[in-house]
Amino acid sequence: MTPPLYSESSETSLLEINAVTLLRGTCKVFEALTLHLSEPRIGLIGDNGAGKSSLFRMICGLDKPESGTVRVRGFAAHDINTKRPGMVGMMFQNPDDQIIFPTVEEELALSLSPSGLPRRQAIAKARVFLDSRGLGPWAQRTMGSLSQGQRQHVCWLALMIASPELLLLDEPFASLDLPGQALLGMDIARASQQVIVSTHLLRHVRDFERVIWLDKGCVRADGSGQTVCAAYESDVAARLARQALSFNDGPPHGAPSIH
């Protein structure tokens, strides 16, 4: 296991996960997990089932650990939604798990509710925001008229207009075409907030200052994006090579490529 390359000092950490154990049913997702996260851009990688989405759900207060603490800017994560609504924003893997209202402008207006803005003013602000992005015609479009990628983009726009202090993006590039991925990448680079991105598309986090590789609920590696992504790719290639050997009962003709 690669040791963490970052200091665990809580004095500078914006997000603190201390000795957390999380169960889902009878399955232990995390055991004594500790992470102190202060970098402005952090990537989260690993196989399906590694615990990436579960980590996000704990941070935004949707799941409460059996033991240990999760604190965001000094607040207990499970109290954030009542004590500091709007502090943490999460973009789910499936936009249909996030979207509530039938039209784009109403969905964006919902994101402004923690500010106490009246509904009519919130919708007006949503329209101005969409115009500023060149998406004015989207305002009254129904969600059913949008593609999966467009609905995912609406979820990102809802986070942007709300402007929470911490952004958690769970597979945000998965349904986007190449132009959409490029635009989202630029938005992430320009965002003033701390952003944590969970993704299987390593090119989007390879240049991040910090990337964490989760493996079965444990931190397998923690360091620069270039180093950790390369280590994960090498591990996947080695596993595929072993699998090929078991299938073919002999050495593969070449190392599988996972780039």
C-alpha atoms as a PDB file:
ATOM      1  CA  MET A   1       0.000   0.000   0.000  1.00  0.00           C
ATOM      2  CA  THR A   2       1.331   3.404  -0.959  1.00  0.00           C
ATOM      3  CA  PRO A   3       1.530   5.715   2.088  1.00  0.00           C
ATOM      4  CA  PRO A   4      -0.291   9.051   1.973  1.00  0.00           C
ATOM      5  CA  LEU A   5       1.819  11.910   0.674  1.00  0.00           C
ATOM      6  CA  TYR A   6      -0.194  14.610   2.421  1.00  0.00           C
ATOM      7  CA  SER A   7      -0.184  15.890   5.964  1.00  0.00           C
ATOM      8  CA  GLU A   8      -3.045  14.757   8.198  1.00  0.00           C
ATOM      9  CA  SER A   9      -3.011  17.986  10.204  1.00  0.00           C
ATOM     10  CA  SER A  10      -6.594  18.983  11.009  1.00  0.00           C
ATOM     11  CA  GLU A  11      -5.523  22.604  11.441  1.00  0.00           C
ATOM     12  CA  THR A  12      -5.584  23.228   7.691  1.00  0.00           C
ATOM     13  CA  SER A  13      -8.122  20.632   6.522  1.00  0.00           C
ATOM     14  CA  LEU A  14     -11.388  21.869   5.069  1.00  0.00           C
ATOM     15  CA  LEU A  15     -12.864  18.381   5.166  1.00  0.00           C
ATOM     16  CA  GLU A  16     -12.000  15.916   7.950  1.00  0.00           C
ATOM     17  CA  ILE A  17     -12.846  12.220   8.000  1.00  0.00           C
ATOM     18  CA  ASN A  18     -11.582  10.661  11.216  1.00  0.00           C
ATOM     19  CA  ALA A  19     -11.576   6.920  12.012  1.00  0.00           C
ATOM     20  CA  VAL A  20     -14.875   6.362  10.197  1.00  0.00           C
ATOM     21  CA  THR A  21     -16.615   2.997  10.034  1.00  0.00           C
ATOM     22  CA  LEU A  22     -19.629   2.742   7.731  1.00  0.00           C
ATOM     23  CA  LEU A  23     -21.935  -0.237   7.287  1.00  0.00           C
ATOM     24  CA  ARG A  24     -24.426  -0.829   4.500  1.00  0.00           C
ATOM     25  CA  GLY A  25     -26.633  -3.629   5.720  1.00  0.00           C
ATOM     26  CA  THR A  26     -24.204  -6.287   6.890  1.00  0.00           C
ATOM     27  CA  CYS A  27     -21.466  -5.064   4.532  1.00  0.00           C
ATOM     28  CA  LYS A  28     -18.642  -2.995   6.000  1.00  0.00           C
ATOM     29  CA  VAL A  29     -17.925  -0.202   3.486  1.00  0.00           C
ATOM     30  CA  PHE A  30     -15.254   1.619   5.533  1.00  0.00           C
ATOM     31  CA  GLU A  31     -13.344   0.695   8.661  1.00  0.00           C
ATOM     32  CA  ALA A  32     -11.348   3.342  10.544  1.00  0.00           C
ATOM     33  CA  LEU A  33     -11.040   5.474   7.401  1.00  0.00           C
ATOM     34  CA  THR A  34      -9.153   8.738   7.965  1.00  0.00           C
ATOM     35  CA  LEU A  35      -8.695  11.471   5.365  1.00  0.00           C
ATOM     36  CA  HIS A  36      -8.013  15.197   5.789  1.00  0.00           C
ATOM     37  CA  LEU A  37      -8.757  17.039   2.567  1.00  0.00           C
ATOM     38  CA  SER A  38      -7.733  20.648   1.980  1.00  0.00           C
ATOM     39  CA  GLU A  39      -6.596  20.754  -1.659  1.00  0.00           C
ATOM     40  CA  PRO A  40      -8.839  22.766  -4.022  1.00  0.00           C
ATOM     41  CA  ARG A  41      -9.052  19.926  -6.577  1.00  0.00           C
ATOM     42  CA  ILE A  42      -9.121  16.294  -5.493  1.00  0.00           C
ATOM     43  CA  GLY A  43      -9.745  13.237  -7.644  1.00  0.00           C
ATOM     44  CA  LEU A  44     -11.276   9.992  -6.401  1.00  0.00           C
ATOM     45  CA  ILE A  45     -10.645   6.840  -8.425  1.00  0.00           C
ATOM     46  CA  GLY A  46     -11.017   3.084  -8.080  1.00  0.00           C
ATOM     47  CA  ASP A  47     -13.089   0.129  -9.230  1.00  0.00           C
ATOM     48  CA  ASN A  48     -16.863  -0.037  -8.949  1.00  0.00           C
ATOM     49  CA  GLY A  49     -17.742  -0.852  -5.349  1.00  0.00           C
ATOM     50  CA  ALA A  50     -14.576   0.713  -3.946  1.00  0.00           C
ATOM     51  CA  GLY A  51     -16.568   3.137  -1.781  1.00  0.00           C
ATOM     52  CA  LYS A  52     -16.398   6.354  -3.812  1.00  0.00           C
ATOM     53  CA  SER A  53     -20.135   7.086  -3.855  1.00  0.00           C
ATOM     54  CA  SER A  54     -20.465   6.014  -0.225  1.00  0.00           C
ATOM     55  CA  LEU A  55     -17.768   8.497   0.740  1.00  0.00           C
ATOM     56  CA  PHE A  56     -19.670  11.277  -1.007  1.00  0.00           C
ATOM     57  CA  ARG A  57     -22.938  10.295   0.688  1.00  0.00           C
ATOM     58  CA  MET A  58     -21.255  10.554   4.081  1.00  0.00           C
ATOM     59  CA  ILE A  59     -19.725  13.935   3.305  1.00  0.00           C
ATOM     60  CA  CYS A  60     -23.047  15.461   2.255  1.00  0.00           C
ATOM     61  CA  GLY A  61     -24.866  13.965   5.240  1.00  0.00           C
ATOM     62  CA  LEU A  62     -26.971  11.345   3.449  1.00  0.00           C
ATOM     63  CA  ASP A  63     -25.270   8.461   5.291  1.00  0.00           C
ATOM     64  CA  LYS A  64     -24.155   8.579   8.922  1.00  0.00           C
ATOM     65  CA  PRO A  65     -21.179   6.444   9.972  1.00  0.00           C
ATOM     66  CA  GLU A  66     -21.479   3.908  12.778  1.00  0.00           C
ATOM     67  CA  SER A  67     -18.362   5.376  14.381  1.00  0.00           C
ATOM     68  CA  GLY A  68     -15.885   8.161  13.741  1.00  0.00           C
ATOM     69  CA  THR A  69     -16.572  11.697  12.552  1.00  0.00           C
ATOM     70  CA  VAL A  70     -17.037  13.520   9.258  1.00  0.00           C
ATOM     71  CA  ARG A  71     -16.708  17.303   9.507  1.00  0.00           C
ATOM     72  CA  VAL A  72     -17.004  19.911   6.770  1.00  0.00           C
ATOM     73  CA  ARG A  73     -15.656  23.362   7.642  1.00  0.00           C
ATOM     74  CA  GLY A  74     -15.983  22.355  11.292  1.00  0.00           C
ATOM     75  CA  PHE A  75     -19.619  21.185  11.032  1.00  0.00           C
ATOM     76  CA  ALA A  76     -20.675  17.579  11.503  1.00  0.00           C
ATOM     77  CA  ALA A  77     -21.674  16.306   8.062  1.00  0.00           C
ATOM     78  CA  HIS A  78     -24.983  14.811   9.258  1.00  0.00           C
ATOM     79  CA  ASP A  79     -26.000  18.256  10.615  1.00  0.00           C
ATOM     80  CA  ILE A  80     -25.045  20.289   7.549  1.00  0.00           C
ATOM     81  CA  ASN A  81     -28.407  20.184   5.809  1.00  0.00           C
ATOM     82  CA  THR A  82     -30.137  21.696   8.847  1.00  0.00           C
ATOM     83  CA  LYS A  83     -27.422  23.956  10.273  1.00  0.00           C
ATOM     84  CA  ARG A  84     -25.754  25.104   7.050  1.00  0.00           C
ATOM     85  CA  PRO A  85     -28.016  24.286   4.088  1.00  0.00           C
ATOM     86  CA  GLY A  86     -26.323  24.884   0.779  1.00  0.00           C
ATOM     87  CA  MET A  87     -22.781  24.416   2.099  1.00  0.00           C
ATOM     88  CA  VAL A  88     -22.234  21.115   0.262  1.00  0.00           C
ATOM     89  CA  GLY A  89     -23.493  20.361  -3.237  1.00  0.00           C
ATOM     90  CA  MET A  90     -23.454  16.888  -4.758  1.00  0.00           C
ATOM     91  CA  MET A  91     -23.912  15.837  -8.363  1.00  0.00           C
ATOM     92  CA  PHE A  92     -25.196  12.243  -8.509  1.00  0.00           C
ATOM     93  CA  GLN A  93     -24.127   9.632 -11.060  1.00  0.00           C
ATOM     94  CA  ASN A  94     -27.671   9.403 -12.393  1.00  0.00           C
ATOM     95  CA  PRO A  95     -29.238  12.831 -12.995  1.00  0.00           C
ATOM     96  CA  ASP A  96     -32.719  11.327 -12.589  1.00  0.00           C
ATOM     97  CA  ASP A  97     -31.859  10.651  -8.927  1.00  0.00           C
ATOM     98  CA  GLN A  98     -31.268  14.379  -8.468  1.00  0.00           C
ATOM     99  CA  ILE A  99     -33.789  16.175 -10.666  1.00  0.00           C
ATOM    100  CA  ILE A 100     -37.127  17.015  -9.022  1.00  0.00           C
ATOM    101  CA  PHE A 101     -38.893  19.666 -11.085  1.00  0.00           C
ATOM    102  CA  PRO A 102     -40.273  19.254 -14.630  1.00  0.00           C
ATOM    103  CA  THR A 103     -38.518  22.229 -16.261  1.00  0.00           C
ATOM    104  CA  VAL A 104     -34.944  23.474 -16.312  1.00  0.00           C
ATOM    105  CA  GLU A 105     -35.704  26.906 -14.848  1.00  0.00           C
ATOM    106  CA  GLU A 106     -37.643  25.372 -11.958  1.00  0.00           C
ATOM    107  CA  GLU A 107     -34.822  22.941 -11.192  1.00  0.00           C
ATOM    108  CA  LEU A 108     -32.266  25.743 -11.084  1.00  0.00           C
ATOM    109  CA  ALA A 109     -34.605  27.880  -8.985  1.00  0.00           C
ATOM    110  CA  LEU A 110     -34.828  25.041  -6.466  1.00  0.00           C
ATOM    111  CA  SER A 111     -31.076  25.275  -5.925  1.00  0.00           C
ATOM    112  CA  LEU A 112     -31.552  28.854  -4.723  1.00  0.00           C
ATOM    113  CA  SER A 113     -34.033  27.896  -1.998  1.00  0.00           C
ATOM    114  CA  PRO A 114     -31.407  27.827   0.808  1.00  0.00           C
ATOM    115  CA  SER A 115     -30.818  31.535   0.150  1.00  0.00           C
ATOM    116  CA  GLY A 116     -34.464  32.278   0.950  1.00  0.00           C
ATOM    117  CA  LEU A 117     -35.093  33.897  -2.426  1.00  0.00           C
ATOM    118  CA  PRO A 118     -38.833  33.978  -3.339  1.00  0.00           C
ATOM    119  CA  ARG A 119     -39.782  31.517  -6.093  1.00  0.00           C
ATOM    120  CA  ARG A 120     -40.536  34.175  -8.718  1.00  0.00           C
ATOM    121  CA  GLN A 121     -37.200  35.902  -8.142  1.00  0.00           C
ATOM    122  CA  ALA A 122     -35.394  32.559  -8.122  1.00  0.00           C
ATOM    123  CA  ILE A 123     -36.851  31.638 -11.524  1.00  0.00           C
ATOM    124  CA  ALA A 124     -35.930  35.074 -12.899  1.00  0.00           C
ATOM    125  CA  LYS A 125     -32.366  34.599 -11.638  1.00  0.00           C
ATOM    126  CA  ALA A 126     -32.270  31.125 -13.202  1.00  0.00           C
ATOM    127  CA  ARG A 127     -33.276  32.587 -16.578  1.00  0.00           C
ATOM    128  CA  VAL A 128     -30.575  35.257 -16.370  1.00  0.00           C
ATOM    129  CA  PHE A 129     -28.030  32.583 -15.445  1.00  0.00           C
ATOM    130  CA  LEU A 130     -29.041  30.386 -18.396  1.00  0.00           C
ATOM    131  CA  ASP A 131     -28.810  33.399 -20.735  1.00  0.00           C
ATOM    132  CA  SER A 132     -25.278  34.089 -19.481  1.00  0.00           C
ATOM    133  CA  ARG A 133     -24.336  30.530 -20.455  1.00  0.00           C
ATOM    134  CA  GLY A 134     -25.926  30.798 -23.898  1.00  0.00           C
ATOM    135  CA  LEU A 135     -28.679  28.428 -22.803  1.00  0.00           C
ATOM    136  CA  GLY A 136     -31.633  30.802 -22.642  1.00  0.00           C
ATOM    137  CA  PRO A 137     -33.850  28.506 -24.780  1.00  0.00           C
ATOM    138  CA  TRP A 138     -33.410  25.760 -22.177  1.00  0.00           C
ATOM    139  CA  ALA A 139     -35.313  27.689 -19.483  1.00  0.00           C
ATOM    140  CA  GLN A 140     -38.776  26.243 -20.117  1.00  0.00           C
ATOM    141  CA  ARG A 141     -37.689  22.948 -21.626  1.00  0.00           C
ATOM    142  CA  THR A 142     -39.035  19.863 -19.887  1.00  0.00           C
ATOM    143  CA  MET A 143     -36.607  17.328 -18.491  1.00  0.00           C
ATOM    144  CA  GLY A 144     -38.181  14.657 -20.675  1.00  0.00           C
ATOM    145  CA  SER A 145     -37.094  16.579 -23.774  1.00  0.00           C
ATOM    146  CA  LEU A 146     -33.424  16.490 -22.720  1.00  0.00           C
ATOM    147  CA  SER A 147     -30.917  13.736 -23.361  1.00  0.00           C
ATOM    148  CA  GLN A 148     -29.167  11.961 -20.473  1.00  0.00           C
ATOM    149  CA  GLY A 149     -26.102  14.134 -20.983  1.00  0.00           C
ATOM    150  CA  GLN A 150     -28.178  17.321 -21.090  1.00  0.00           C
ATOM    151  CA  ARG A 151     -29.936  16.377 -17.851  1.00  0.00           C
ATOM    152  CA  GLN A 152     -26.545  15.765 -16.281  1.00  0.00           C
ATOM    153  CA  HIS A 153     -25.500  19.218 -17.476  1.00  0.00           C
ATOM    154  CA  VAL A 154     -28.604  20.688 -15.810  1.00  0.00           C
ATOM    155  CA  CYS A 155     -27.483  19.111 -12.523  1.00  0.00           C
ATOM    156  CA  TRP A 156     -24.117  20.832 -12.890  1.00  0.00           C
ATOM    157  CA  LEU A 157     -25.790  24.150 -13.692  1.00  0.00           C
ATOM    158  CA  ALA A 158     -27.921  23.762 -10.561  1.00  0.00           C
ATOM    159  CA  LEU A 159     -24.745  23.417  -8.498  1.00  0.00           C
ATOM    160  CA  MET A 160     -23.124  26.380 -10.193  1.00  0.00           C
ATOM    161  CA  ILE A 161     -26.032  28.731  -9.579  1.00  0.00           C
ATOM    162  CA  ALA A 162     -26.249  27.637  -5.924  1.00  0.00           C
ATOM    163  CA  SER A 163     -22.470  28.047  -5.459  1.00  0.00           C
ATOM    164  CA  PRO A 164     -21.929  25.774  -2.423  1.00  0.00           C
ATOM    165  CA  GLU A 165     -18.570  25.862  -0.648  1.00  0.00           C
ATOM    166  CA  LEU A 166     -17.817  22.206  -1.450  1.00  0.00           C
ATOM    167  CA  LEU A 167     -18.702  20.435  -4.709  1.00  0.00           C
ATOM    168  CA  LEU A 168     -18.886  16.636  -4.863  1.00  0.00           C
ATOM    169  CA  LEU A 169     -19.115  15.339  -8.430  1.00  0.00           C
ATOM    170  CA  ASP A 170     -19.884  11.623  -8.795  1.00  0.00           C
ATOM    171  CA  GLU A 171     -18.995  10.436 -12.309  1.00  0.00           C
ATOM    172  CA  PRO A 172     -19.862  13.852 -13.797  1.00  0.00           C
ATOM    173  CA  PHE A 173     -18.386  13.092 -17.241  1.00  0.00           C
ATOM    174  CA  ALA A 174     -20.066   9.713 -17.754  1.00  0.00           C
ATOM    175  CA  SER A 175     -22.977  10.829 -19.953  1.00  0.00           C
ATOM    176  CA  LEU A 176     -21.359  13.834 -21.599  1.00  0.00           C
ATOM    177  CA  ASP A 177     -20.119  14.038 -25.176  1.00  0.00           C
ATOM    178  CA  LEU A 178     -16.619  15.385 -25.842  1.00  0.00           C
ATOM    179  CA  PRO A 179     -17.689  19.062 -26.049  1.00  0.00           C
ATOM    180  CA  GLY A 180     -19.671  18.633 -22.842  1.00  0.00           C
ATOM    181  CA  GLN A 181     -16.702  17.034 -21.085  1.00  0.00           C
ATOM    182  CA  ALA A 182     -14.442  19.873 -22.212  1.00  0.00           C
ATOM    183  CA  LEU A 183     -16.876  22.540 -20.976  1.00  0.00           C
ATOM    184  CA  LEU A 184     -17.316  20.817 -17.627  1.00  0.00           C
ATOM    185  CA  GLY A 185     -13.549  20.476 -17.272  1.00  0.00           C
ATOM    186  CA  MET A 186     -13.140  24.210 -17.851  1.00  0.00           C
ATOM    187  CA  ASP A 187     -15.882  25.009 -15.346  1.00  0.00           C
ATOM    188  CA  ILE A 188     -14.214  22.814 -12.730  1.00  0.00           C
ATOM    189  CA  ALA A 189     -10.867  24.488 -13.352  1.00  0.00           C
ATOM    190  CA  ARG A 190     -12.416  27.948 -12.917  1.00  0.00           C
ATOM    191  CA  ALA A 191     -14.564  27.156  -9.868  1.00  0.00           C
ATOM    192  CA  SER A 192     -13.612  29.038  -6.711  1.00  0.00           C
ATOM    193  CA  GLN A 193     -14.869  26.226  -4.448  1.00  0.00           C
ATOM    194  CA  GLN A 194     -13.177  23.048  -3.317  1.00  0.00           C
ATOM    195  CA  VAL A 195     -14.124  20.332  -5.847  1.00  0.00           C
ATOM    196  CA  ILE A 196     -13.843  16.565  -5.398  1.00  0.00           C
ATOM    197  CA  VAL A 197     -14.352  14.528  -8.569  1.00  0.00           C
ATOM    198  CA  SER A 198     -15.025  10.794  -8.599  1.00  0.00           C
ATOM    199  CA  THR A 199     -14.422   9.360 -12.061  1.00  0.00           C
ATOM    200  CA  HIS A 200     -13.330   6.385 -14.140  1.00  0.00           C
ATOM    201  CA  LEU A 201     -12.106   8.768 -16.860  1.00  0.00           C
ATOM    202  CA  LEU A 202      -8.653   9.342 -15.434  1.00  0.00           C
ATOM    203  CA  ARG A 203      -7.646  12.022 -17.922  1.00  0.00           C
ATOM    204  CA  HIS A 204      -9.944  14.445 -16.137  1.00  0.00           C
ATOM    205  CA  VAL A 205      -8.114  14.158 -12.801  1.00  0.00           C
ATOM    206  CA  ARG A 206      -4.592  13.205 -13.906  1.00  0.00           C
ATOM    207  CA  ASP A 207      -3.348  16.788 -13.505  1.00  0.00           C
ATOM    208  CA  PHE A 208      -4.993  17.313 -10.109  1.00  0.00           C
ATOM    209  CA  GLU A 209      -2.701  18.091  -7.202  1.00  0.00           C
ATOM    210  CA  ARG A 210      -4.155  15.197  -5.252  1.00  0.00           C
ATOM    211  CA  VAL A 211      -5.869  11.949  -6.268  1.00  0.00           C
ATOM    212  CA  ILE A 212      -7.013   9.212  -3.898  1.00  0.00           C
ATOM    213  CA  TRP A 213      -7.324   5.606  -5.052  1.00  0.00           C
ATOM    214  CA  LEU A 214      -9.909   3.679  -3.056  1.00  0.00           C
ATOM    215  CA  ASP A 215      -9.836  -0.104  -3.069  1.00  0.00           C
ATOM    216  CA  LYS A 216     -12.523  -2.052  -1.175  1.00  0.00           C
ATOM    217  CA  GLY A 217     -13.071   0.858   1.191  1.00  0.00           C
ATOM    218  CA  CYS A 218      -9.381   1.415   1.905  1.00  0.00           C
ATOM    219  CA  VAL A 219      -6.949   4.043   0.631  1.00  0.00           C
ATOM    220  CA  ARG A 220      -4.679   2.184  -1.754  1.00  0.00           C
ATOM    221  CA  ALA A 221      -2.713   5.275  -2.819  1.00  0.00           C
ATOM    222  CA  ASP A 222      -2.851   8.990  -2.107  1.00  0.00           C
ATOM    223  CA  GLY A 223      -0.715  11.533  -3.929  1.00  0.00           C
ATOM    224  CA  SER A 224      -0.331  13.521  -7.120  1.00  0.00           C
ATOM    225  CA  GLY A 225      -2.728  12.770  -9.957  1.00  0.00           C
ATOM    226  CA  GLN A 226       0.031  11.664 -12.299  1.00  0.00           C
ATOM    227  CA  THR A 227       1.487   9.208  -9.780  1.00  0.00           C
ATOM    228  CA  VAL A 228      -1.747   7.705  -8.468  1.00  0.00           C
ATOM    229  CA  CYS A 229      -3.459   7.391 -11.864  1.00  0.00           C
ATOM    230  CA  ALA A 230      -0.390   5.639 -13.281  1.00  0.00           C
ATOM    231  CA  ALA A 231      -0.324   3.236 -10.331  1.00  0.00           C
ATOM    232  CA  TYR A 232      -4.012   2.407 -10.760  1.00  0.00           C
ATOM    233  CA  GLU A 233      -3.606   1.858 -14.516  1.00  0.00           C
ATOM    234  CA  SER A 234      -0.647  -0.468 -13.895  1.00  0.00           C
ATOM    235  CA  ASP A 235      -2.646  -2.438 -11.358  1.00  0.00           C
ATOM    236  CA  VAL A 236      -5.589  -2.827 -13.749  1.00  0.00           C
ATOM    237  CA  ALA A 237      -3.255  -3.928 -16.551  1.00  0.00           C
ATOM    238  CA  ALA A 238      -1.659  -6.524 -14.255  1.00  0.00           C
ATOM    239  CA  ARG A 239      -5.064  -7.881 -13.228  1.00  0.00           C
ATOM    240  CA  LEU A 240      -6.158  -8.139 -16.865  1.00  0.00           C
ATOM    241  CA  ALA A 241      -2.933  -9.970 -17.717  1.00  0.00           C
ATOM    242  CA  ARG A 242      -3.531 -12.490 -14.924  1.00  0.00           C
ATOM    243  CA  GLN A 243      -7.109 -12.930 -16.109  1.00  0.00           C
ATOM    244  CA  ALA A 244      -5.907 -13.551 -19.666  1.00  0.00           C
ATOM    245  CA  LEU A 245      -3.505 -16.200 -18.381  1.00  0.00           C
ATOM    246  CA  SER A 246      -6.309 -17.983 -16.556  1.00  0.00           C
ATOM    247  CA  PHE A 247      -8.515 -17.867 -19.677  1.00  0.00           C
ATOM    248  CA  ASN A 248      -5.848 -18.959 -22.145  1.00  0.00           C
ATOM    249  CA  ASP A 249      -3.824 -21.227 -19.863  1.00  0.00           C
ATOM    250  CA  GLY A 250      -0.752 -19.557 -21.269  1.00  0.00           C
ATOM    251  CA  PRO A 251       0.995 -16.201 -21.516  1.00  0.00           C
ATOM    252  CA  PRO A 252      -0.871 -13.388 -23.323  1.00  0.00           C
ATOM    253  CA  HIS A 253       0.583 -12.071 -26.573  1.00  0.00           C
ATOM    254  CA  GLY A 254       0.881  -8.586 -25.115  1.00  0.00           C
ATOM    255  CA  ALA A 255      -0.004  -6.581 -22.060  1.00  0.00           C
ATOM    256  CA  PRO A 256      -3.623  -5.403 -22.241  1.00  0.00           C
ATOM    257  CA  SER A 257      -4.040  -1.701 -22.800  1.00  0.00           C
ATOM    258  CA  ILE A 258      -6.406   0.175 -20.483  1.00  0.00           C
ATOM    259  CA  HIS A 259      -5.577   3.740 -21.611  1.00  0.00           C
END
